[in-house]
Amino acid sequence: MEKLTRIKPLIMLIFIGGLVATVLMFSIVPTGFIPEEDQGYFFIIGNSPSNSSLNYTRKQVEDINQILKDVPEMESYLGIAGNSFEGNSYNKYLFFGRLKPWEERPNSNQSVFALLRKLNADLKAKMTGSRAVAVNAPAVDGLSATGGLEFQLQNRGGLPMDTMITVAQKYMEALNQRKELQNIFTQFTFDTDQQEISLDRDKINALNIDVGEVLQTLQTYIGSNYINDFVFSNRQYRVYAQVAPEHRANPSDISRFYVKSRNGSLIQLSNVVAIQEINYPPTLTHYNVYPSIKIQAAPASGYSSGQAIKAMEAVAKETLPNGFGYEWTGSALEELSAENSTILIFALGFVLVFLVLAAQYESYIDPTIIMLTVPLSTLGALFAIWFRANLLQVGGFWPIISNDIFAQVGLLMLIGMASKNAILIVETANQFRDLGMNVTKAAVEAAKSRFRPIMMTSLSGIVGYIPLMTAAGAGALSRWSIGTVSFGGYLIATILSLAIAPILYIVIKTFEDKILS
């Protein structure tokens, strides 16, 4: 310890370098919100071609049933044709898959993340008649229907639907080129063959027909029309007027329908209406008033949700023309809303501990010495995240560790754990000074005398975080985050506090004695 006191300028340079490195690490470490977990179930979302029938979609469901029955980790599954999280449609289908309990899936390659990777590869290779994507359950129920990111492309300029569809397709093509993203898809059906009925209003007026009568007739014949209720056997029934299905199966059947004019004569509907074939989306969606198309994606292996969000925003900036914008929804929206509060929360925790220490010591000098060691623990925590994400998890199927909400809880914990070591050194050094030692001698003797208590408590805490770092089963990713941050931060704080805290005590106390006094 005496040798370190002879190179105080070098130690202070290392300390300042550590502060700068801490700030830089915040920009380097990948960010996230709430890590996705292996919750024991997943979904498969599928779209058949736009003009396919419900029977065709049922055939696609049967094909996926054949794929899932060969998966040993599956406990049960259910496929529904004609349904999706975005509404019902003849060309959509949805699967709910339940995995076996975690104790029956002890290996990492039996986790939901490994299963989703394999299953998506099988779906891409074998499902040539439709597009199907297997997705994880949402990290938080209620934020979104599935895991991943939800991007709402908005038509804010009132441009034609064809233009919006073209923009969405080009945007998705550009997203597929980004290495940060995978499983890019949309549940929006871009087009389908439809029959559009238009009224010849000039001919309707010439034949003395009421326009409302024409519309009412079309609704009754092609759709249905409520008439009244009646009671039979003490039960109430509704009566609807509707043409039998076999008489309205083809567009040409409209020539067999008649509408009554104002003078009571019957006019063929085909004389006053025209049928035109069009190609248009069957369902239009809006988000915050504007017409929108929801595009979903997931972070690729080795990337966090924060990196995936930045990639999608960068592509949007490059590809979206004037008149189009976007908004985030689901967990991505919550992540962006919370990212600016991280530094504020950490700063408030830092200030709170500082004020408590200032009240205890009745001085601002000792708390300043103690709190200056805290950023070094943050450096260790951020380095631990970076090391595990970029070196230990490369090429794996697990979501990478990131600076998510659980890691931030660990950073707040480190404020107290890191300051504890400095408190022991500062308090003991003050006691030695009261016995007549000078500043340097007091700091050196305090570090020596407190070395064993600091190492005992620190090592017991560090070892206690290892089960969190190696957790498995339900909630494993959340425990990885908080365990990695606490382990790395506490380890670096213990090593550096023994070396830097005495030097900071010497420098700041000397400054206080010579300048402030």
Protein backbone atom coordinates (compact mmCIF):
# COMPACT_ATOMS: atom_id res chain seq x y z
CA MET A 1 0.00 0.00 0.00
CA GLU A 2 2.92 2.33 0.76
CA LYS A 3 4.11 1.90 -2.84
CA LEU A 4 0.79 3.15 -4.17
CA THR A 5 1.08 6.33 -2.14
CA ARG A 6 4.29 7.15 -4.05
CA ILE A 7 2.49 7.09 -7.41
CA LYS A 8 -0.60 9.06 -6.46
CA PRO A 9 -0.65 11.01 -9.78
CA LEU A 10 -0.74 7.74 -11.73
CA ILE A 11 -3.49 6.32 -9.53
CA MET A 12 -5.52 9.50 -10.00
CA LEU A 13 -5.06 9.27 -13.78
CA ILE A 14 -6.28 5.67 -13.67
CA PHE A 15 -9.26 6.83 -11.60
CA ILE A 16 -10.14 9.60 -14.06
CA GLY A 17 -9.70 7.16 -16.94
CA GLY A 18 -12.12 4.81 -15.20
CA LEU A 19 -14.72 7.60 -14.97
CA VAL A 20 -14.36 8.34 -18.69
CA ALA A 21 -14.55 4.62 -19.51
CA THR A 22 -17.77 4.34 -17.47
CA VAL A 23 -19.42 7.05 -19.56
CA LEU A 24 -18.23 5.39 -22.79
CA MET A 25 -19.47 1.97 -21.69
CA PHE A 26 -23.02 3.30 -21.37
CA SER A 27 -22.96 3.99 -25.12
CA ILE A 28 -21.29 0.67 -26.00
CA VAL A 29 -23.29 -1.79 -23.91
CA PRO A 30 -26.47 -3.01 -25.69
CA THR A 31 -29.71 -1.76 -24.19
CA GLY A 32 -32.99 -3.57 -23.56
CA PHE A 33 -36.20 -3.41 -21.57
CA ILE A 34 -37.50 -6.67 -20.09
CA PRO A 35 -35.81 -9.85 -21.34
CA GLU A 36 -37.96 -12.49 -22.98
CA GLU A 37 -38.19 -15.68 -20.95
CA ASP A 38 -38.84 -19.35 -21.52
CA GLN A 39 -42.44 -19.31 -20.25
CA GLY A 40 -43.23 -22.78 -21.53
CA TYR A 41 -45.42 -21.78 -24.48
CA PHE A 42 -45.21 -20.02 -27.84
CA PHE A 43 -47.30 -19.05 -30.87
CA ILE A 44 -47.21 -19.69 -34.59
CA ILE A 45 -48.72 -16.94 -36.76
CA GLY A 46 -49.48 -17.78 -40.38
CA ASN A 47 -50.84 -16.18 -43.55
CA SER A 48 -52.04 -18.10 -46.59
CA PRO A 49 -52.06 -16.41 -50.02
CA SER A 50 -54.59 -13.58 -50.16
CA ASN A 51 -57.04 -15.31 -52.54
CA SER A 52 -56.96 -18.69 -50.83
CA SER A 53 -60.04 -20.24 -49.29
CA LEU A 54 -60.67 -21.30 -45.71
CA ASN A 55 -60.33 -24.94 -46.76
CA TYR A 56 -56.87 -24.17 -48.15
CA THR A 57 -55.93 -22.50 -44.84
CA ARG A 58 -57.14 -25.59 -42.95
CA LYS A 59 -54.79 -27.67 -45.10
CA GLN A 60 -51.89 -25.42 -44.02
CA VAL A 61 -52.87 -25.97 -40.39
CA GLU A 62 -52.76 -29.74 -40.95
CA ASP A 63 -49.28 -29.46 -42.47
CA ILE A 64 -48.00 -27.62 -39.38
CA ASN A 65 -49.64 -30.25 -37.18
CA GLN A 66 -47.42 -32.81 -38.89
CA ILE A 67 -44.34 -30.70 -38.13
CA LEU A 68 -45.21 -30.16 -34.46
CA LYS A 69 -46.02 -33.79 -33.70
CA ASP A 70 -42.37 -34.70 -34.33
CA VAL A 71 -41.06 -32.15 -31.78
CA PRO A 72 -40.20 -34.09 -28.59
CA GLU A 73 -40.41 -31.01 -26.34
CA MET A 74 -44.08 -30.40 -27.21
CA GLU A 75 -46.72 -31.28 -24.64
CA SER A 76 -49.77 -30.06 -26.57
CA TYR A 77 -50.71 -27.66 -29.36
CA LEU A 78 -53.81 -26.22 -31.00
CA GLY A 79 -54.13 -24.75 -34.48
CA ILE A 80 -57.06 -22.56 -35.55
CA ALA A 81 -57.78 -21.67 -39.17
CA GLY A 82 -59.40 -18.32 -39.90
CA ASN A 83 -58.15 -16.60 -36.73
CA SER A 84 -55.23 -14.37 -35.76
CA PHE A 85 -54.30 -11.75 -33.18
CA GLU A 86 -55.26 -9.08 -35.75
CA GLY A 87 -58.79 -10.39 -36.35
CA ASN A 88 -60.53 -13.16 -38.22
CA SER A 89 -59.87 -13.84 -41.88
CA TYR A 90 -60.10 -16.82 -44.25
CA ASN A 91 -56.36 -16.71 -45.04
CA LYS A 92 -54.98 -16.47 -41.48
CA TYR A 93 -54.23 -19.13 -38.92
CA LEU A 94 -52.90 -19.25 -35.38
CA PHE A 95 -51.22 -21.94 -33.26
CA PHE A 96 -50.84 -22.16 -29.50
CA GLY A 97 -48.00 -24.48 -28.46
CA ARG A 98 -47.35 -25.68 -24.91
CA LEU A 99 -43.98 -27.20 -23.97
CA LYS A 100 -43.25 -29.84 -21.40
CA PRO A 101 -42.36 -28.67 -17.85
CA TRP A 102 -38.87 -27.26 -17.34
CA GLU A 103 -37.71 -30.26 -15.32
CA GLU A 104 -38.38 -32.42 -18.38
CA ARG A 105 -36.35 -30.01 -20.56
CA PRO A 106 -33.09 -29.67 -18.57
CA ASN A 107 -30.77 -29.02 -21.52
CA SER A 108 -30.28 -25.61 -23.08
CA ASN A 109 -31.10 -26.97 -26.54
CA GLN A 110 -34.55 -27.87 -25.20
CA SER A 111 -35.41 -24.28 -24.27
CA VAL A 112 -38.07 -22.33 -26.12
CA PHE A 113 -35.36 -20.22 -27.80
CA ALA A 114 -33.62 -23.24 -29.32
CA LEU A 115 -36.99 -24.67 -30.31
CA LEU A 116 -38.09 -21.45 -32.01
CA ARG A 117 -34.88 -21.29 -34.04
CA LYS A 118 -35.29 -24.89 -35.24
CA LEU A 119 -39.03 -24.55 -35.78
CA ASN A 120 -38.70 -21.38 -37.87
CA ALA A 121 -36.12 -23.13 -40.06
CA ASP A 122 -38.52 -26.06 -40.56
CA LEU A 123 -41.46 -23.76 -41.29
CA LYS A 124 -39.45 -21.82 -43.87
CA ALA A 125 -38.30 -25.01 -45.61
CA LYS A 126 -41.50 -27.07 -45.48
CA MET A 127 -44.37 -24.54 -45.55
CA THR A 128 -44.17 -23.53 -49.21
CA GLY A 129 -47.90 -22.79 -49.47
CA SER A 130 -48.05 -20.10 -46.78
CA ARG A 131 -45.89 -17.90 -44.59
CA ALA A 132 -45.63 -19.00 -40.94
CA VAL A 133 -43.49 -17.61 -38.11
CA ALA A 134 -43.03 -19.08 -34.62
CA VAL A 135 -42.78 -16.37 -31.96
CA ASN A 136 -42.22 -16.35 -28.23
CA ALA A 137 -44.76 -15.23 -25.65
CA PRO A 138 -44.61 -11.57 -24.62
CA ALA A 139 -42.28 -10.70 -21.75
CA VAL A 140 -45.12 -8.86 -20.00
CA ASP A 141 -48.73 -9.91 -20.49
CA GLY A 142 -50.84 -7.06 -21.83
CA LEU A 143 -48.05 -5.05 -23.48
CA SER A 144 -48.40 -6.99 -26.72
CA ALA A 145 -49.83 -10.23 -28.06
CA THR A 146 -46.43 -11.76 -28.85
CA GLY A 147 -42.76 -11.24 -28.13
CA GLY A 148 -40.60 -9.05 -30.34
CA LEU A 149 -41.06 -5.52 -31.67
CA GLU A 150 -44.22 -3.92 -33.08
CA PHE A 151 -43.76 -1.10 -35.61
CA GLN A 152 -46.75 0.86 -36.93
CA LEU A 153 -46.14 2.30 -40.41
CA GLN A 154 -48.49 5.27 -40.81
CA ASN A 155 -49.85 6.97 -43.94
CA ARG A 156 -49.89 10.55 -42.65
CA GLY A 157 -50.16 12.22 -46.04
CA GLY A 158 -53.43 10.66 -47.18
CA LEU A 159 -51.67 8.91 -50.08
CA PRO A 160 -53.33 6.05 -52.03
CA MET A 161 -53.39 2.57 -50.54
CA ASP A 162 -51.30 1.19 -53.42
CA THR A 163 -48.53 3.64 -52.50
CA MET A 164 -48.68 2.63 -48.83
CA ILE A 165 -48.47 -1.07 -49.70
CA THR A 166 -45.46 -0.45 -51.94
CA VAL A 167 -43.72 1.54 -49.20
CA ALA A 168 -44.41 -1.19 -46.62
CA GLN A 169 -43.05 -3.91 -48.91
CA LYS A 170 -39.87 -1.94 -49.67
CA TYR A 171 -39.40 -1.21 -45.98
CA MET A 172 -39.68 -4.90 -45.08
CA GLU A 173 -37.24 -5.81 -47.86
CA ALA A 174 -34.75 -3.32 -46.41
CA LEU A 175 -35.28 -4.73 -42.90
CA ASN A 176 -34.43 -8.22 -44.15
CA GLN A 177 -30.98 -6.91 -45.10
CA ARG A 178 -30.18 -5.84 -41.54
CA LYS A 179 -28.19 -8.34 -39.46
CA GLU A 180 -29.75 -7.05 -36.22
CA LEU A 181 -33.22 -8.37 -37.15
CA GLN A 182 -34.96 -11.66 -37.81
CA ASN A 183 -38.49 -13.04 -38.28
CA ILE A 184 -39.78 -9.90 -40.03
CA PHE A 185 -43.43 -10.26 -40.97
CA THR A 186 -46.80 -8.54 -41.04
CA GLN A 187 -50.29 -9.92 -40.49
CA PHE A 188 -51.72 -7.28 -42.84
CA THR A 189 -53.14 -8.72 -46.09
CA PHE A 190 -51.94 -6.44 -48.87
CA ASP A 191 -54.51 -7.37 -51.52
CA THR A 192 -57.26 -9.78 -52.46
CA ASP A 193 -59.65 -10.11 -55.41
CA GLN A 194 -62.95 -8.40 -54.66
CA GLN A 195 -66.16 -7.37 -56.44
CA GLU A 196 -67.06 -3.69 -56.20
CA ILE A 197 -70.65 -2.64 -56.86
CA SER A 198 -71.12 0.93 -58.12
CA LEU A 199 -74.42 2.75 -58.61
CA ASP A 200 -75.38 4.51 -61.86
CA ARG A 201 -77.09 7.44 -60.17
CA ASP A 202 -78.13 9.13 -63.44
CA LYS A 203 -79.99 6.01 -64.57
CA ILE A 204 -81.47 5.57 -61.07
CA ASN A 205 -82.93 9.08 -61.22
CA ALA A 206 -84.13 8.58 -64.81
CA LEU A 207 -86.02 5.41 -63.80
CA ASN A 208 -87.53 7.20 -60.78
CA ILE A 209 -85.89 4.89 -58.23
CA ASP A 210 -84.92 5.91 -54.72
CA VAL A 211 -81.17 5.42 -54.08
CA GLY A 212 -81.91 4.23 -50.56
CA GLU A 213 -84.22 1.56 -51.97
CA VAL A 214 -81.40 0.26 -54.18
CA LEU A 215 -79.02 0.04 -51.23
CA GLN A 216 -81.67 -1.59 -49.02
CA THR A 217 -82.38 -4.19 -51.70
CA LEU A 218 -78.68 -5.01 -52.10
CA GLN A 219 -78.28 -5.36 -48.36
CA THR A 220 -81.26 -7.67 -48.05
CA TYR A 221 -80.47 -9.90 -51.02
CA ILE A 222 -76.68 -10.13 -50.82
CA GLY A 223 -76.29 -9.69 -47.07
CA SER A 224 -79.25 -9.84 -44.69
CA ASN A 225 -81.82 -7.57 -43.12
CA TYR A 226 -83.37 -7.77 -39.65
CA ILE A 227 -87.20 -7.96 -39.74
CA ASN A 228 -88.56 -8.55 -36.24
CA ASP A 229 -88.65 -10.95 -33.28
CA PHE A 230 -91.15 -13.68 -32.48
CA VAL A 231 -91.75 -15.95 -29.51
CA PHE A 232 -92.04 -19.72 -29.86
CA SER A 233 -92.18 -22.17 -26.94
CA ASN A 234 -91.32 -19.41 -24.48
CA ARG A 235 -88.17 -18.51 -26.38
CA GLN A 236 -87.52 -15.43 -28.46
CA TYR A 237 -86.15 -15.68 -32.00
CA ARG A 238 -85.00 -13.10 -34.52
CA VAL A 239 -86.19 -13.01 -38.13
CA TYR A 240 -83.82 -12.04 -40.96
CA ALA A 241 -84.60 -11.71 -44.65
CA GLN A 242 -81.91 -13.15 -46.92
CA VAL A 243 -81.66 -14.81 -50.32
CA ALA A 244 -80.79 -18.52 -50.24
CA PRO A 245 -77.02 -19.13 -50.67
CA GLU A 246 -77.38 -20.94 -54.00
CA HIS A 247 -79.10 -17.86 -55.50
CA ARG A 248 -76.32 -15.41 -54.53
CA ALA A 249 -73.21 -17.46 -55.11
CA ASN A 250 -72.10 -15.72 -58.35
CA PRO A 251 -71.88 -12.02 -59.27
CA SER A 252 -74.15 -12.67 -62.25
CA ASP A 253 -76.98 -13.56 -59.85
CA ILE A 254 -77.55 -9.86 -59.31
CA SER A 255 -79.40 -9.76 -62.64
CA ARG A 256 -82.12 -11.91 -61.02
CA PHE A 257 -82.82 -9.31 -58.33
CA TYR A 258 -85.34 -6.51 -58.77
CA VAL A 259 -85.85 -3.13 -57.10
CA LYS A 260 -89.15 -1.27 -56.87
CA SER A 261 -89.33 2.27 -58.32
CA ARG A 262 -91.35 5.10 -56.85
CA ASN A 263 -94.27 4.36 -59.19
CA GLY A 264 -94.32 0.69 -58.19
CA SER A 265 -92.70 -0.93 -61.24
CA LEU A 266 -89.95 -3.54 -60.81
CA ILE A 267 -86.54 -2.79 -62.35
CA GLN A 268 -83.67 -5.27 -62.69
CA LEU A 269 -80.79 -4.35 -60.39
CA SER A 270 -78.30 -5.10 -63.16
CA ASN A 271 -79.74 -2.10 -65.07
CA VAL A 272 -78.74 0.41 -62.38
CA VAL A 273 -75.63 -1.09 -60.83
CA ALA A 274 -72.28 -2.23 -62.27
CA ILE A 275 -69.92 -4.88 -60.89
CA GLN A 276 -66.17 -4.33 -61.25
CA GLU A 277 -63.32 -6.57 -60.16
CA ILE A 278 -60.79 -4.81 -57.93
CA ASN A 279 -57.71 -5.78 -55.95
CA TYR A 280 -57.67 -4.23 -52.47
CA PRO A 281 -56.89 -5.13 -48.83
CA PRO A 282 -59.85 -6.92 -47.23
CA THR A 283 -59.30 -5.12 -43.90
CA LEU A 284 -57.96 -1.61 -43.29
CA THR A 285 -56.26 -0.81 -39.99
CA HIS A 286 -55.59 2.51 -38.28
CA TYR A 287 -53.26 3.58 -35.48
CA ASN A 288 -53.75 6.96 -33.81
CA VAL A 289 -56.18 8.06 -36.57
CA TYR A 290 -53.80 7.38 -39.50
CA PRO A 291 -54.08 4.36 -41.83
CA SER A 292 -51.38 1.94 -40.70
CA ILE A 293 -49.70 -1.39 -41.34
CA LYS A 294 -48.20 -3.20 -38.34
CA ILE A 295 -44.80 -4.75 -39.02
CA GLN A 296 -43.32 -7.14 -36.47
CA ALA A 297 -39.71 -8.25 -36.00
CA ALA A 298 -37.42 -9.81 -33.41
CA PRO A 299 -33.78 -9.13 -32.47
CA ALA A 300 -31.41 -11.50 -34.23
CA SER A 301 -29.07 -13.75 -32.24
CA GLY A 302 -26.37 -11.65 -30.63
CA TYR A 303 -28.39 -8.41 -30.62
CA SER A 304 -30.60 -6.76 -28.02
CA SER A 305 -34.02 -5.17 -28.44
CA GLY A 306 -32.46 -1.70 -28.17
CA GLN A 307 -30.13 -2.43 -31.08
CA ALA A 308 -33.03 -3.86 -33.11
CA ILE A 309 -35.12 -0.72 -32.49
CA LYS A 310 -32.27 1.51 -33.66
CA ALA A 311 -31.86 -0.63 -36.79
CA MET A 312 -35.56 -0.35 -37.67
CA GLU A 313 -35.52 3.41 -37.09
CA ALA A 314 -32.42 3.79 -39.26
CA VAL A 315 -34.07 1.86 -42.10
CA ALA A 316 -37.23 3.96 -41.73
CA LYS A 317 -35.18 7.15 -42.01
CA GLU A 318 -33.54 5.86 -45.19
CA THR A 319 -36.55 4.35 -46.98
CA LEU A 320 -39.79 6.10 -45.92
CA PRO A 321 -40.79 8.89 -48.34
CA ASN A 322 -42.57 12.13 -47.44
CA GLY A 323 -46.09 11.59 -46.18
CA PHE A 324 -45.22 8.49 -44.16
CA GLY A 325 -44.25 8.16 -40.52
CA TYR A 326 -44.18 5.54 -37.82
CA GLU A 327 -44.93 4.89 -34.18
CA TRP A 328 -43.93 2.12 -31.81
CA THR A 329 -46.37 0.07 -29.81
CA GLY A 330 -46.16 -2.74 -27.28
CA SER A 331 -42.95 -3.37 -25.35
CA ALA A 332 -40.88 -1.27 -27.79
CA LEU A 333 -42.91 1.81 -26.92
CA GLU A 334 -42.41 1.19 -23.19
CA GLU A 335 -38.68 0.65 -23.73
CA LEU A 336 -38.29 3.97 -25.54
CA SER A 337 -40.37 5.74 -22.89
CA ALA A 338 -38.20 4.37 -20.09
CA GLU A 339 -34.74 4.78 -21.62
CA ASN A 340 -34.36 8.44 -20.65
CA SER A 341 -35.30 7.76 -17.04
CA THR A 342 -32.42 5.36 -16.36
CA ILE A 343 -29.78 8.02 -15.78
CA LEU A 344 -32.24 10.08 -13.73
CA ILE A 345 -33.09 7.17 -11.43
CA PHE A 346 -29.41 6.30 -10.97
CA ALA A 347 -28.58 9.95 -10.23
CA LEU A 348 -31.38 10.21 -7.66
CA GLY A 349 -30.16 7.04 -5.93
CA PHE A 350 -26.61 8.43 -5.92
CA VAL A 351 -27.75 11.75 -4.44
CA LEU A 352 -29.91 10.02 -1.82
CA VAL A 353 -27.00 7.92 -0.53
CA PHE A 354 -24.72 10.98 -0.59
CA LEU A 355 -27.17 13.03 1.52
CA VAL A 356 -27.63 10.20 4.03
CA LEU A 357 -23.84 9.93 4.43
CA ALA A 358 -23.52 13.72 4.67
CA ALA A 359 -26.04 13.74 7.51
CA GLN A 360 -24.20 10.90 9.24
CA TYR A 361 -20.71 12.40 8.95
CA GLU A 362 -21.90 16.03 9.27
CA SER A 363 -19.56 16.80 6.41
CA TYR A 364 -19.52 16.75 2.61
CA ILE A 365 -15.88 15.71 2.35
CA ASP A 366 -16.10 12.14 3.64
CA PRO A 367 -19.25 11.33 1.60
CA THR A 368 -17.49 12.71 -1.48
CA ILE A 369 -14.57 10.31 -0.98
CA ILE A 370 -16.97 7.40 -0.50
CA MET A 371 -19.23 8.17 -3.46
CA LEU A 372 -16.35 8.68 -5.89
CA THR A 373 -15.71 4.94 -5.74
CA VAL A 374 -19.24 4.09 -6.93
CA PRO A 375 -18.67 4.84 -10.67
CA LEU A 376 -15.90 2.23 -10.69
CA SER A 377 -18.41 -0.44 -9.68
CA THR A 378 -20.65 0.75 -12.53
CA LEU A 379 -17.71 0.30 -14.90
CA GLY A 380 -17.28 -3.28 -13.70
CA ALA A 381 -21.00 -3.99 -14.09
CA LEU A 382 -21.17 -2.60 -17.64
CA PHE A 383 -18.00 -4.44 -18.61
CA ALA A 384 -19.50 -7.69 -17.28
CA ILE A 385 -22.58 -7.17 -19.48
CA TRP A 386 -20.43 -6.40 -22.54
CA PHE A 387 -18.11 -9.37 -21.90
CA ARG A 388 -20.94 -11.86 -21.52
CA ALA A 389 -22.98 -10.50 -24.45
CA ASN A 390 -20.14 -10.15 -26.94
CA LEU A 391 -17.85 -13.02 -26.00
CA LEU A 392 -19.68 -15.70 -24.03
CA GLN A 393 -23.02 -15.57 -25.89
CA VAL A 394 -21.77 -15.17 -29.46
CA GLY A 395 -23.42 -17.65 -31.82
CA GLY A 396 -25.88 -18.90 -29.22
CA PHE A 397 -29.66 -18.97 -29.36
CA TRP A 398 -30.25 -17.32 -25.98
CA PRO A 399 -31.17 -13.60 -25.97
CA ILE A 400 -28.07 -11.64 -25.05
CA ILE A 401 -27.58 -9.91 -21.73
CA SER A 402 -28.21 -6.17 -22.04
CA ASN A 403 -28.58 -3.05 -19.95
CA ASP A 404 -32.23 -3.85 -19.25
CA ILE A 405 -34.49 -3.02 -16.35
CA PHE A 406 -33.11 -5.84 -14.17
CA ALA A 407 -29.54 -4.74 -14.86
CA GLN A 408 -30.51 -1.25 -13.78
CA VAL A 409 -31.85 -2.63 -10.51
CA GLY A 410 -28.44 -4.23 -10.03
CA LEU A 411 -26.74 -0.89 -10.70
CA LEU A 412 -28.84 0.74 -7.99
CA MET A 413 -27.87 -2.04 -5.58
CA LEU A 414 -24.20 -1.44 -6.38
CA ILE A 415 -24.42 2.11 -5.04
CA GLY A 416 -24.86 0.68 -1.57
CA MET A 417 -22.57 -2.33 -1.95
CA ALA A 418 -19.68 -0.37 -3.46
CA SER A 419 -19.89 2.47 -0.97
CA LYS A 420 -19.81 -0.02 1.91
CA ASN A 421 -16.11 -0.82 1.31
CA ALA A 422 -15.15 2.85 1.09
CA ILE A 423 -17.11 3.60 4.26
CA LEU A 424 -15.01 1.09 6.20
CA ILE A 425 -11.76 2.61 4.96
CA VAL A 426 -12.81 6.24 5.51
CA GLU A 427 -14.26 5.60 8.97
CA THR A 428 -11.16 3.69 10.11
CA ALA A 429 -8.81 6.33 8.65
CA ASN A 430 -10.67 9.06 10.55
CA GLN A 431 -10.24 7.10 13.76
CA PHE A 432 -6.50 6.72 13.14
CA ARG A 433 -6.20 10.47 12.50
CA ASP A 434 -7.90 11.11 15.83
CA LEU A 435 -5.07 9.05 17.37
CA GLY A 436 -2.51 11.47 15.90
CA MET A 437 -1.52 9.85 12.59
CA ASN A 438 -1.03 11.98 9.51
CA VAL A 439 -3.33 11.62 6.48
CA THR A 440 -1.10 9.25 4.50
CA LYS A 441 -0.31 6.98 7.45
CA ALA A 442 -3.97 6.86 8.51
CA ALA A 443 -5.13 5.90 4.99
CA VAL A 444 -2.50 3.17 4.64
CA GLU A 445 -3.20 1.66 8.06
CA ALA A 446 -6.97 1.82 7.44
CA ALA A 447 -6.59 -0.11 4.18
CA LYS A 448 -4.43 -2.74 5.90
CA SER A 449 -6.66 -3.18 8.92
CA ARG A 450 -9.88 -3.32 6.87
CA PHE A 451 -8.50 -5.61 4.16
CA ARG A 452 -9.70 -8.87 5.75
CA PRO A 453 -13.27 -7.70 6.66
CA ILE A 454 -13.69 -6.20 3.20
CA MET A 455 -12.50 -9.36 1.44
CA MET A 456 -14.63 -11.65 3.62
CA THR A 457 -17.88 -9.77 3.06
CA SER A 458 -17.15 -9.04 -0.59
CA LEU A 459 -16.16 -12.58 -1.54
CA SER A 460 -19.22 -14.03 0.18
CA GLY A 461 -21.41 -11.60 -1.77
CA ILE A 462 -19.63 -12.26 -5.07
CA VAL A 463 -19.93 -16.03 -4.69
CA GLY A 464 -23.60 -15.57 -3.81
CA TYR A 465 -24.27 -14.07 -7.25
CA ILE A 466 -22.94 -17.10 -9.15
CA PRO A 467 -26.28 -19.03 -8.89
CA LEU A 468 -28.02 -16.01 -10.42
CA MET A 469 -25.53 -15.91 -13.28
CA THR A 470 -26.03 -19.60 -14.08
CA ALA A 471 -29.77 -19.85 -13.43
CA ALA A 472 -32.02 -22.09 -15.53
CA GLY A 473 -35.74 -22.55 -16.02
CA ALA A 474 -38.44 -19.96 -15.48
CA GLY A 475 -37.12 -16.40 -15.12
CA ALA A 476 -33.54 -17.39 -16.00
CA LEU A 477 -32.85 -14.38 -18.24
CA SER A 478 -33.94 -11.89 -15.58
CA ARG A 479 -31.65 -13.54 -13.02
CA TRP A 480 -28.79 -13.57 -15.53
CA SER A 481 -29.08 -9.79 -15.91
CA ILE A 482 -29.12 -8.89 -12.24
CA GLY A 483 -26.54 -11.56 -11.35
CA THR A 484 -24.06 -10.53 -14.06
CA VAL A 485 -24.28 -6.85 -13.14
CA SER A 486 -23.94 -7.48 -9.42
CA PHE A 487 -21.07 -9.97 -9.84
CA GLY A 488 -19.01 -7.78 -12.19
CA GLY A 489 -19.69 -4.54 -10.36
CA TYR A 490 -19.00 -5.90 -6.88
CA LEU A 491 -15.82 -7.67 -8.04
CA ILE A 492 -14.32 -4.55 -9.65
CA ALA A 493 -15.51 -2.35 -6.78
CA THR A 494 -13.77 -4.60 -4.25
CA ILE A 495 -10.47 -4.66 -6.14
CA LEU A 496 -10.34 -0.98 -7.00
CA SER A 497 -11.70 0.33 -3.71
CA LEU A 498 -8.78 -1.20 -1.82
CA ALA A 499 -6.37 0.59 -4.15
CA ILE A 500 -8.16 3.83 -5.03
CA ALA A 501 -10.19 4.67 -1.91
CA PRO A 502 -7.06 5.25 0.28
CA ILE A 503 -5.48 7.43 -2.45
CA LEU A 504 -8.69 9.45 -2.81
CA TYR A 505 -8.72 9.87 0.97
CA ILE A 506 -5.14 11.15 0.95
CA VAL A 507 -5.67 13.57 -1.96
CA ILE A 508 -9.02 15.00 -0.83
CA LYS A 509 -8.13 15.21 2.87
CA THR A 510 -4.84 16.92 2.03
CA PHE A 511 -6.74 19.39 -0.13
CA GLU A 512 -9.16 19.99 2.73
CA ASP A 513 -6.38 20.57 5.26
CA LYS A 514 -4.28 22.87 3.08
CA ILE A 515 -6.89 24.74 1.07
CA LEU A 516 -10.33 24.56 2.63
CA SER A 517 -9.15 25.02 6.20
